[in-house]
C-alpha cells in the first residue's frame, strides 16, 4: 500500500465533503492502517460506512473486517459520527 501523506489526506477530506466515495474509502484506509494518521478504527469505520452508503463494495468489506476488532460502543460511536457528518455534508 502506498504511503498517504498529509497533503493527500487534506485532499481526500475536501473530496469527501463533495460526496466522493473514493475519497471516503481512502480516508477509511488511512485511519484503519495508520497511513499518515494514527490508527483509529472509529474514524475508519465512519469513513468506510459513508463510502459504503455511496456504493463502495470495497468499503463494505473493510468496514466488516475492522468491525471484528471493535466493541459495540465503538461501532455505535462510529455510526453516530457518520450520521453527524451526513447531517452537515449531504
PDB file of N, CA and C in Angstrom:
ATOM      1  N   UNK A   1       0.846  -1.177   0.000  1.00  0.00           N
ATOM      2  CA  UNK A   1       0.000   0.000   0.000  1.00  0.00           C
ATOM      3  C   UNK A   1       0.888   1.236   0.000  1.00  0.00           C
ATOM      4  N   UNK A   2       0.548   2.193  -0.809  1.00  0.00           N
ATOM      5  CA  UNK A   2       1.304   3.431  -0.881  1.00  0.00           C
ATOM      6  C   UNK A   2       1.110   4.243   0.393  1.00  0.00           C
ATOM      7  N   UNK A   3       2.143   4.981   0.735  1.00  0.00           N
ATOM      8  CA  UNK A   3       2.065   5.838   1.916  1.00  0.00           C
ATOM      9  C   UNK A   3       1.207   7.061   1.586  1.00  0.00           C
ATOM     10  N   UNK A   4       0.300   7.376   2.487  1.00  0.00           N
ATOM     11  CA  UNK A   4      -0.582   8.529   2.304  1.00  0.00           C
ATOM     12  C   UNK A   4       0.008   9.694   3.089  1.00  0.00           C
ATOM     13  N   UNK A   5       0.278  10.807   2.417  1.00  0.00           N
ATOM     14  CA  UNK A   5       0.867  11.952   3.110  1.00  0.00           C
ATOM     15  C   UNK A   5      -0.204  12.956   3.530  1.00  0.00           C
ATOM     16  N   UNK A   6       0.230  13.964   4.253  1.00  0.00           N
ATOM     17  CA  UNK A   6      -0.685  14.965   4.807  1.00  0.00           C
ATOM     18  C   UNK A   6      -1.441  15.697   3.704  1.00  0.00           C
ATOM     19  N   UNK A   7      -0.776  16.011   2.603  1.00  0.00           N
ATOM     20  CA  UNK A   7      -1.446  16.705   1.507  1.00  0.00           C
ATOM     21  C   UNK A   7      -2.538  15.839   0.884  1.00  0.00           C
ATOM     22  N   UNK A   8      -2.251  14.548   0.734  1.00  0.00           N
ATOM     23  CA  UNK A   8      -3.251  13.640   0.182  1.00  0.00           C
ATOM     24  C   UNK A   8      -4.445  13.526   1.123  1.00  0.00           C
ATOM     25  N   UNK A   9      -4.176  13.450   2.428  1.00  0.00           N
ATOM     26  CA  UNK A   9      -5.275  13.378   3.395  1.00  0.00           C
ATOM     27  C   UNK A   9      -6.162  14.613   3.317  1.00  0.00           C
ATOM     28  N   UNK A  10      -5.550  15.773   3.202  1.00  0.00           N
ATOM     29  CA  UNK A  10      -6.323  17.015   3.101  1.00  0.00           C
ATOM     30  C   UNK A  10      -7.189  17.001   1.841  1.00  0.00           C
ATOM     31  N   UNK A  11      -6.634  16.500   0.740  1.00  0.00           N
ATOM     32  CA  UNK A  11      -7.412  16.431  -0.494  1.00  0.00           C
ATOM     33  C   UNK A  11      -8.549  15.425  -0.366  1.00  0.00           C
ATOM     34  N   UNK A  12      -8.286  14.273   0.281  1.00  0.00           N
ATOM     35  CA  UNK A  12      -9.346  13.288   0.495  1.00  0.00           C
ATOM     36  C   UNK A  12     -10.478  13.895   1.315  1.00  0.00           C
ATOM     37  N   UNK A  13     -10.136  14.670   2.344  1.00  0.00           N
ATOM     38  CA  UNK A  13     -11.164  15.294   3.177  1.00  0.00           C
ATOM     39  C   UNK A  13     -11.990  16.289   2.364  1.00  0.00           C
ATOM     40  N   UNK A  14     -11.329  17.065   1.532  1.00  0.00           N
ATOM     41  CA  UNK A  14     -12.040  18.019   0.678  1.00  0.00           C
ATOM     42  C   UNK A  14     -12.964  17.282  -0.287  1.00  0.00           C
ATOM     43  N   UNK A  15     -12.436  16.237  -0.909  1.00  0.00           N
ATOM     44  CA  UNK A  15     -13.233  15.468  -1.860  1.00  0.00           C
ATOM     45  C   UNK A  15     -14.384  14.739  -1.171  1.00  0.00           C
ATOM     46  N   UNK A  16     -14.165  14.269   0.049  1.00  0.00           N
ATOM     47  CA  UNK A  16     -15.230  13.595   0.807  1.00  0.00           C
ATOM     48  C   UNK A  16     -16.389  14.551   1.059  1.00  0.00           C
ATOM     49  N   UNK A  17     -16.073  15.794   1.351  1.00  0.00           N
ATOM     50  CA  UNK A  17     -17.117  16.796   1.582  1.00  0.00           C
ATOM     51  C   UNK A  17     -17.955  17.030   0.325  1.00  0.00           C
ATOM     52  N   UNK A  18     -17.376  16.714  -0.834  1.00  0.00           N
ATOM     53  CA  UNK A  18     -18.109  16.824  -2.102  1.00  0.00           C
ATOM     54  C   UNK A  18     -18.869  15.545  -2.423  1.00  0.00           C
ATOM     55  N   UNK A  19     -18.814  14.560  -1.514  1.00  0.00           N
ATOM     56  CA  UNK A  19     -19.574  13.338  -1.692  1.00  0.00           C
ATOM     57  C   UNK A  19     -18.881  12.239  -2.466  1.00  0.00           C
ATOM     58  N   UNK A  20     -17.572  12.347  -2.661  1.00  0.00           N
ATOM     59  CA  UNK A  20     -16.849  11.345  -3.444  1.00  0.00           C
ATOM     60  C   UNK A  20     -16.564  10.092  -2.616  1.00  0.00           C
ATOM     61  N   UNK A  21     -17.170   8.953  -2.973  1.00  0.00           N
ATOM     62  CA  UNK A  21     -16.972   7.732  -2.196  1.00  0.00           C
ATOM     63  C   UNK A  21     -15.533   7.230  -2.208  1.00  0.00           C
ATOM     64  N   UNK A  22     -14.790   7.483  -3.294  1.00  0.00           N
ATOM     65  CA  UNK A  22     -13.400   7.041  -3.331  1.00  0.00           C
ATOM     66  C   UNK A  22     -12.566   7.774  -2.284  1.00  0.00           C
ATOM     67  N   UNK A  23     -12.861   9.041  -2.062  1.00  0.00           N
ATOM     68  CA  UNK A  23     -12.141   9.804  -1.045  1.00  0.00           C
ATOM     69  C   UNK A  23     -12.494   9.302   0.354  1.00  0.00           C
ATOM     70  N   UNK A  24     -13.767   8.998   0.564  1.00  0.00           N
ATOM     71  CA  UNK A  24     -14.196   8.459   1.863  1.00  0.00           C
ATOM     72  C   UNK A  24     -13.529   7.114   2.124  1.00  0.00           C
ATOM     73  N   UNK A  25     -13.477   6.288   1.094  1.00  0.00           N
ATOM     74  CA  UNK A  25     -12.814   4.990   1.194  1.00  0.00           C
ATOM     75  C   UNK A  25     -11.331   5.169   1.533  1.00  0.00           C
ATOM     76  N   UNK A  26     -10.673   6.093   0.853  1.00  0.00           N
ATOM     77  CA  UNK A  26      -9.252   6.337   1.117  1.00  0.00           C
ATOM     78  C   UNK A  26      -9.014   6.847   2.535  1.00  0.00           C
ATOM     79  N   UNK A  27      -9.917   7.655   3.052  1.00  0.00           N
ATOM     80  CA  UNK A  27      -9.804   8.089   4.443  1.00  0.00           C
ATOM     81  C   UNK A  27      -9.973   6.906   5.388  1.00  0.00           C
ATOM     82  N   UNK A  28     -10.903   6.020   5.073  1.00  0.00           N
ATOM     83  CA  UNK A  28     -11.062   4.807   5.863  1.00  0.00           C
ATOM     84  C   UNK A  28      -9.796   3.971   5.873  1.00  0.00           C
ATOM     85  N   UNK A  29      -9.186   3.829   4.700  1.00  0.00           N
ATOM     86  CA  UNK A  29      -7.925   3.089   4.617  1.00  0.00           C
ATOM     87  C   UNK A  29      -6.842   3.744   5.465  1.00  0.00           C
ATOM     88  N   UNK A  30      -6.746   5.057   5.372  1.00  0.00           N
ATOM     89  CA  UNK A  30      -5.719   5.766   6.136  1.00  0.00           C
ATOM     90  C   UNK A  30      -5.887   5.517   7.629  1.00  0.00           C
ATOM     91  N   UNK A  31      -7.100   5.677   8.136  1.00  0.00           N
ATOM     92  CA  UNK A  31      -7.331   5.506   9.574  1.00  0.00           C
ATOM     93  C   UNK A  31      -7.252   4.048  10.024  1.00  0.00           C
ATOM     94  N   UNK A  32      -7.571   3.119   9.155  1.00  0.00           N
ATOM     95  CA  UNK A  32      -7.532   1.711   9.553  1.00  0.00           C
ATOM     96  C   UNK A  32      -6.116   1.141   9.526  1.00  0.00           C
ATOM     97  N   UNK A  33      -5.237   1.754   8.744  1.00  0.00           N
ATOM     98  CA  UNK A  33      -3.875   1.244   8.609  1.00  0.00           C
ATOM     99  C   UNK A  33      -2.807   2.154   9.197  1.00  0.00           C
ATOM    100  N   UNK A  34      -3.205   3.363   9.610  1.00  0.00           N
ATOM    101  CA  UNK A  34      -2.229   4.296  10.176  1.00  0.00           C
ATOM    102  C   UNK A  34      -1.353   4.963   9.132  1.00  0.00           C
ATOM    103  N   UNK A  35      -1.866   5.138   7.937  1.00  0.00           N
ATOM    104  CA  UNK A  35      -1.123   5.812   6.868  1.00  0.00           C
ATOM    105  C   UNK A  35      -1.340   7.316   6.955  1.00  0.00           C
ATOM    106  N   UNK A  36      -0.359   8.032   7.494  1.00  0.00           N
ATOM    107  CA  UNK A  36      -0.437   9.486   7.603  1.00  0.00           C
ATOM    108  C   UNK A  36      -1.166   9.975   8.843  1.00  0.00           C
ATOM    109  N   UNK A  37      -1.805   9.060   9.573  1.00  0.00           N
ATOM    110  CA  UNK A  37      -2.531   9.379  10.804  1.00  0.00           C
ATOM    111  C   UNK A  37      -2.349   8.205  11.770  1.00  0.00           C
ATOM    112  N   UNK A  38      -2.719   8.417  13.022  1.00  0.00           N
ATOM    113  CA  UNK A  38      -2.731   7.303  13.967  1.00  0.00           C
ATOM    114  C   UNK A  38      -3.877   6.361  13.607  1.00  0.00           C
ATOM    115  N   UNK A  39      -3.697   5.080  13.869  1.00  0.00           N
ATOM    116  CA  UNK A  39      -4.777   4.117  13.656  1.00  0.00           C
ATOM    117  C   UNK A  39      -5.959   4.506  14.540  1.00  0.00           C
ATOM    118  N   UNK A  40      -7.134   4.591  13.939  1.00  0.00           N
ATOM    119  CA  UNK A  40      -8.355   4.966  14.652  1.00  0.00           C
ATOM    120  C   UNK A  40      -9.509   4.220  13.997  1.00  0.00           C
ATOM    121  N   UNK A  41      -9.887   3.079  14.582  1.00  0.00           N
ATOM    122  CA  UNK A  41     -10.924   2.253  13.983  1.00  0.00           C
ATOM    123  C   UNK A  41     -12.284   2.937  13.976  1.00  0.00           C
ATOM    124  N   UNK A  42     -12.539   3.818  14.932  1.00  0.00           N
ATOM    125  CA  UNK A  42     -13.820   4.533  14.936  1.00  0.00           C
ATOM    126  C   UNK A  42     -13.904   5.457  13.718  1.00  0.00           C
ATOM    127  N   UNK A  43     -12.850   6.227  13.482  1.00  0.00           N
ATOM    128  CA  UNK A  43     -12.825   7.107  12.307  1.00  0.00           C
ATOM    129  C   UNK A  43     -12.849   6.282  11.024  1.00  0.00           C
ATOM    130  N   UNK A  44     -12.088   5.187  10.992  1.00  0.00           N
ATOM    131  CA  UNK A  44     -12.061   4.335   9.802  1.00  0.00           C
ATOM    132  C   UNK A  44     -13.441   3.777   9.506  1.00  0.00           C
ATOM    133  N   UNK A  45     -14.120   3.279  10.521  1.00  0.00           N
ATOM    134  CA  UNK A  45     -15.467   2.720  10.343  1.00  0.00           C
ATOM    135  C   UNK A  45     -16.409   3.793   9.816  1.00  0.00           C
ATOM    136  N   UNK A  46     -16.305   4.992  10.372  1.00  0.00           N
ATOM    137  CA  UNK A  46     -17.151   6.098   9.902  1.00  0.00           C
ATOM    138  C   UNK A  46     -16.948   6.328   8.410  1.00  0.00           C
ATOM    139  N   UNK A  47     -15.697   6.434   7.973  1.00  0.00           N
ATOM    140  CA  UNK A  47     -15.430   6.711   6.565  1.00  0.00           C
ATOM    141  C   UNK A  47     -15.822   5.546   5.675  1.00  0.00           C
ATOM    142  N   UNK A  48     -15.552   4.314   6.116  1.00  0.00           N
ATOM    143  CA  UNK A  48     -15.974   3.159   5.324  1.00  0.00           C
ATOM    144  C   UNK A  48     -17.499   3.091   5.236  1.00  0.00           C
ATOM    145  N   UNK A  49     -18.168   3.422   6.323  1.00  0.00           N
ATOM    146  CA  UNK A  49     -19.630   3.424   6.327  1.00  0.00           C
ATOM    147  C   UNK A  49     -20.166   4.445   5.324  1.00  0.00           C
ATOM    148  N   UNK A  50     -19.602   5.632   5.324  1.00  0.00           N
ATOM    149  CA  UNK A  50     -20.049   6.674   4.401  1.00  0.00           C
ATOM    150  C   UNK A  50     -19.784   6.274   2.946  1.00  0.00           C
ATOM    151  N   UNK A  51     -18.620   5.687   2.694  1.00  0.00           N
ATOM    152  CA  UNK A  51     -18.302   5.229   1.337  1.00  0.00           C
ATOM    153  C   UNK A  51     -19.235   4.092   0.919  1.00  0.00           C
ATOM    154  N   UNK A  52     -19.526   3.195   1.848  1.00  0.00           N
ATOM    155  CA  UNK A  52     -20.425   2.070   1.559  1.00  0.00           C
ATOM    156  C   UNK A  52     -21.822   2.579   1.217  1.00  0.00           C
ATOM    157  N   UNK A  53     -22.262   3.604   1.918  1.00  0.00           N
ATOM    158  CA  UNK A  53     -23.577   4.193   1.627  1.00  0.00           C
ATOM    159  C   UNK A  53     -23.649   4.750   0.215  1.00  0.00           C
ATOM    160  N   UNK A  54     -22.488   5.075  -0.337  1.00  0.00           N
ATOM    161  CA  UNK A  54     -22.424   5.615  -1.699  1.00  0.00           C
ATOM    162  C   UNK A  54     -22.008   4.549  -2.712  1.00  0.00           C
ATOM    163  N   UNK A  55     -22.084   3.267  -2.292  1.00  0.00           N
ATOM    164  CA  UNK A  55     -21.917   2.180  -3.248  1.00  0.00           C
ATOM    165  C   UNK A  55     -20.563   1.507  -3.319  1.00  0.00           C
ATOM    166  N   UNK A  56     -19.641   1.828  -2.439  1.00  0.00           N
ATOM    167  CA  UNK A  56     -18.317   1.210  -2.487  1.00  0.00           C
ATOM    168  C   UNK A  56     -18.333  -0.180  -1.842  1.00  0.00           C
ATOM    169  N   UNK A  57     -18.205  -1.210  -2.676  1.00  0.00           N
ATOM    170  CA  UNK A  57     -18.158  -2.576  -2.159  1.00  0.00           C
ATOM    171  C   UNK A  57     -16.890  -2.825  -1.347  1.00  0.00           C
ATOM    172  N   UNK A  58     -15.775  -2.216  -1.762  1.00  0.00           N
ATOM    173  CA  UNK A  58     -14.528  -2.365  -1.011  1.00  0.00           C
ATOM    174  C   UNK A  58     -14.687  -1.812   0.404  1.00  0.00           C
ATOM    175  N   UNK A  59     -15.391  -0.689   0.522  1.00  0.00           N
ATOM    176  CA  UNK A  59     -15.620  -0.084   1.838  1.00  0.00           C
ATOM    177  C   UNK A  59     -16.460  -1.003   2.713  1.00  0.00           C
ATOM    178  N   UNK A  60     -17.446  -1.663   2.121  1.00  0.00           N
ATOM    179  CA  UNK A  60     -18.270  -2.601   2.885  1.00  0.00           C
ATOM    180  C   UNK A  60     -17.418  -3.720   3.459  1.00  0.00           C
ATOM    181  N   UNK A  61     -16.511  -4.218   2.652  1.00  0.00           N
ATOM    182  CA  UNK A  61     -15.636  -5.305   3.090  1.00  0.00           C
ATOM    183  C   UNK A  61     -14.696  -4.858   4.209  1.00  0.00           C
ATOM    184  N   UNK A  62     -14.069  -3.708   4.044  1.00  0.00           N
ATOM    185  CA  UNK A  62     -13.164  -3.189   5.075  1.00  0.00           C
ATOM    186  C   UNK A  62     -13.924  -2.878   6.354  1.00  0.00           C
ATOM    187  N   UNK A  63     -15.128  -2.302   6.228  1.00  0.00           N
ATOM    188  CA  UNK A  63     -15.937  -1.991   7.410  1.00  0.00           C
ATOM    189  C   UNK A  63     -16.239  -3.269   8.190  1.00  0.00           C
ATOM    190  N   UNK A  64     -16.613  -4.316   7.500  1.00  0.00           N
ATOM    191  CA  UNK A  64     -16.898  -5.594   8.152  1.00  0.00           C
ATOM    192  C   UNK A  64     -15.642  -6.144   8.830  1.00  0.00           C
ATOM    193  N   UNK A  65     -14.516  -5.996   8.180  1.00  0.00           N
ATOM    194  CA  UNK A  65     -13.259  -6.517   8.725  1.00  0.00           C
ATOM    195  C   UNK A  65     -12.857  -5.797  10.012  1.00  0.00           C
ATOM    196  N   UNK A  66     -12.896  -4.467  10.002  1.00  0.00           N
ATOM    197  CA  UNK A  66     -12.470  -3.750  11.216  1.00  0.00           C
ATOM    198  C   UNK A  66     -13.517  -3.837  12.321  1.00  0.00           C
ATOM    199  N   UNK A  67     -14.775  -4.084  11.952  1.00  0.00           N
ATOM    200  CA  UNK A  67     -15.819  -4.243  12.978  1.00  0.00           C
ATOM    201  C   UNK A  67     -15.493  -5.389  13.916  1.00  0.00           C
ATOM    202  N   UNK A  68     -14.800  -6.391  13.403  1.00  0.00           N
ATOM    203  CA  UNK A  68     -14.413  -7.544  14.227  1.00  0.00           C
ATOM    204  C   UNK A  68     -13.406  -7.160  15.306  1.00  0.00           C
ATOM    205  N   UNK A  69     -12.716  -6.027  15.122  1.00  0.00           N
ATOM    206  CA  UNK A  69     -11.718  -5.547  16.080  1.00  0.00           C
ATOM    207  C   UNK A  69     -12.304  -4.521  17.052  1.00  0.00           C
ATOM    208  N   UNK A  70     -13.588  -4.189  16.883  1.00  0.00           N
ATOM    209  CA  UNK A  70     -14.227  -3.129  17.663  1.00  0.00           C
ATOM    210  C   UNK A  70     -15.290  -3.707  18.586  1.00  0.00           C
ATOM    211  N   UNK A  71     -15.542  -2.987  19.700  1.00  0.00           N
ATOM    212  CA  UNK A  71     -16.659  -3.396  20.560  1.00  0.00           C
ATOM    213  C   UNK A  71     -17.912  -2.632  20.132  1.00  0.00           C
ATOM    214  N   UNK A  72     -19.037  -2.995  20.711  1.00  0.00           N
ATOM    215  CA  UNK A  72     -20.308  -2.406  20.266  1.00  0.00           C
ATOM    216  C   UNK A  72     -20.378  -0.900  20.518  1.00  0.00           C
ATOM    217  N   UNK A  73     -19.786  -0.421  21.585  1.00  0.00           N
ATOM    218  CA  UNK A  73     -19.837   1.025  21.843  1.00  0.00           C
ATOM    219  C   UNK A  73     -18.974   1.788  20.835  1.00  0.00           C
ATOM    220  N   UNK A  74     -17.876   1.204  20.388  1.00  0.00           N
ATOM    221  CA  UNK A  74     -17.051   1.853  19.370  1.00  0.00           C
ATOM    222  C   UNK A  74     -17.790   1.911  18.033  1.00  0.00           C
ATOM    223  N   UNK A  75     -18.460   0.829  17.686  1.00  0.00           N
ATOM    224  CA  UNK A  75     -19.234   0.813  16.443  1.00  0.00           C
ATOM    225  C   UNK A  75     -20.374   1.825  16.513  1.00  0.00           C
ATOM    226  N   UNK A  76     -21.036   1.888  17.644  1.00  0.00           N
ATOM    227  CA  UNK A  76     -22.124   2.865  17.822  1.00  0.00           C
ATOM    228  C   UNK A  76     -21.598   4.292  17.688  1.00  0.00           C
ATOM    229  N   UNK A  77     -20.418   4.560  18.239  1.00  0.00           N
ATOM    230  CA  UNK A  77     -19.818   5.893  18.129  1.00  0.00           C
ATOM    231  C   UNK A  77     -19.480   6.202  16.673  1.00  0.00           C
ATOM    232  N   UNK A  78     -18.937   5.234  15.959  1.00  0.00           N
ATOM    233  CA  UNK A  78     -18.612   5.439  14.545  1.00  0.00           C
ATOM    234  C   UNK A  78     -19.878   5.728  13.737  1.00  0.00           C
ATOM    235  N   UNK A  79     -20.936   5.013  14.027  1.00  0.00           N
ATOM    236  CA  UNK A  79     -22.205   5.234  13.327  1.00  0.00           C
ATOM    237  C   UNK A  79     -22.784   6.604  13.662  1.00  0.00           C
ATOM    238  N   UNK A  80     -22.666   7.013  14.924  1.00  0.00           N
ATOM    239  CA  UNK A  80     -23.135   8.342  15.327  1.00  0.00           C
ATOM    240  C   UNK A  80     -22.366   9.417  14.571  1.00  0.00           C
ATOM    241  N   UNK A  81     -21.044   9.249  14.477  1.00  0.00           N
ATOM    242  CA  UNK A  81     -20.217  10.228  13.768  1.00  0.00           C
ATOM    243  C   UNK A  81     -20.562  10.269  12.279  1.00  0.00           C
ATOM    244  N   UNK A  82     -20.866   9.118  11.694  1.00  0.00           N
ATOM    245  CA  UNK A  82     -21.263   9.089  10.280  1.00  0.00           C
ATOM    246  C   UNK A  82     -22.583   9.834  10.078  1.00  0.00           C
ATOM    247  N   UNK A  83     -23.543   9.600  10.972  1.00  0.00           N
ATOM    248  CA  UNK A  83     -24.834  10.320  10.865  1.00  0.00           C
ATOM    249  C   UNK A  83     -24.622  11.825  11.038  1.00  0.00           C
ATOM    250  N   UNK A  84     -23.775  12.186  11.976  1.00  0.00           N
ATOM    251  CA  UNK A  84     -23.488  13.607  12.203  1.00  0.00           C
ATOM    252  C   UNK A  84     -22.861  14.224  10.953  1.00  0.00           C
ATOM    253  N   UNK A  85     -21.916  13.516  10.353  1.00  0.00           N
ATOM    254  CA  UNK A  85     -21.255  14.008   9.146  1.00  0.00           C
ATOM    255  C   UNK A  85     -22.276  14.176   8.029  1.00  0.00           C
ATOM    256  N   UNK A  86     -23.172  13.192   7.884  1.00  0.00           N
ATOM    257  CA  UNK A  86     -24.202  13.273   6.840  1.00  0.00           C
ATOM    258  C   UNK A  86     -25.131  14.465   7.041  1.00  0.00           C
ATOM    259  N   UNK A  87     -25.402  14.815   8.298  1.00  0.00           N
ATOM    260  CA  UNK A  87     -26.296  15.938   8.564  1.00  0.00           C
ATOM    261  C   UNK A  87     -25.649  17.272   8.147  1.00  0.00           C
ATOM    262  N   UNK A  88     -24.336  17.287   8.089  1.00  0.00           N
ATOM    263  CA  UNK A  88     -23.610  18.501   7.710  1.00  0.00           C
ATOM    264  C   UNK A  88     -23.300  18.521   6.206  1.00  0.00           C
ATOM    265  N   UNK A  89     -22.841  17.378   5.673  1.00  0.00           N
ATOM    266  CA  UNK A  89     -22.368  17.297   4.284  1.00  0.00           C
ATOM    267  C   UNK A  89     -23.191  16.314   3.467  1.00  0.00           C
ATOM    268  N   UNK A  90     -24.451  16.597   3.275  1.00  0.00           N
ATOM    269  CA  UNK A  90     -25.288  15.706   2.475  1.00  0.00           C
ATOM    270  C   UNK A  90     -24.844  15.730   1.091  1.00  0.00           C
TER     271      UNK A  90
END
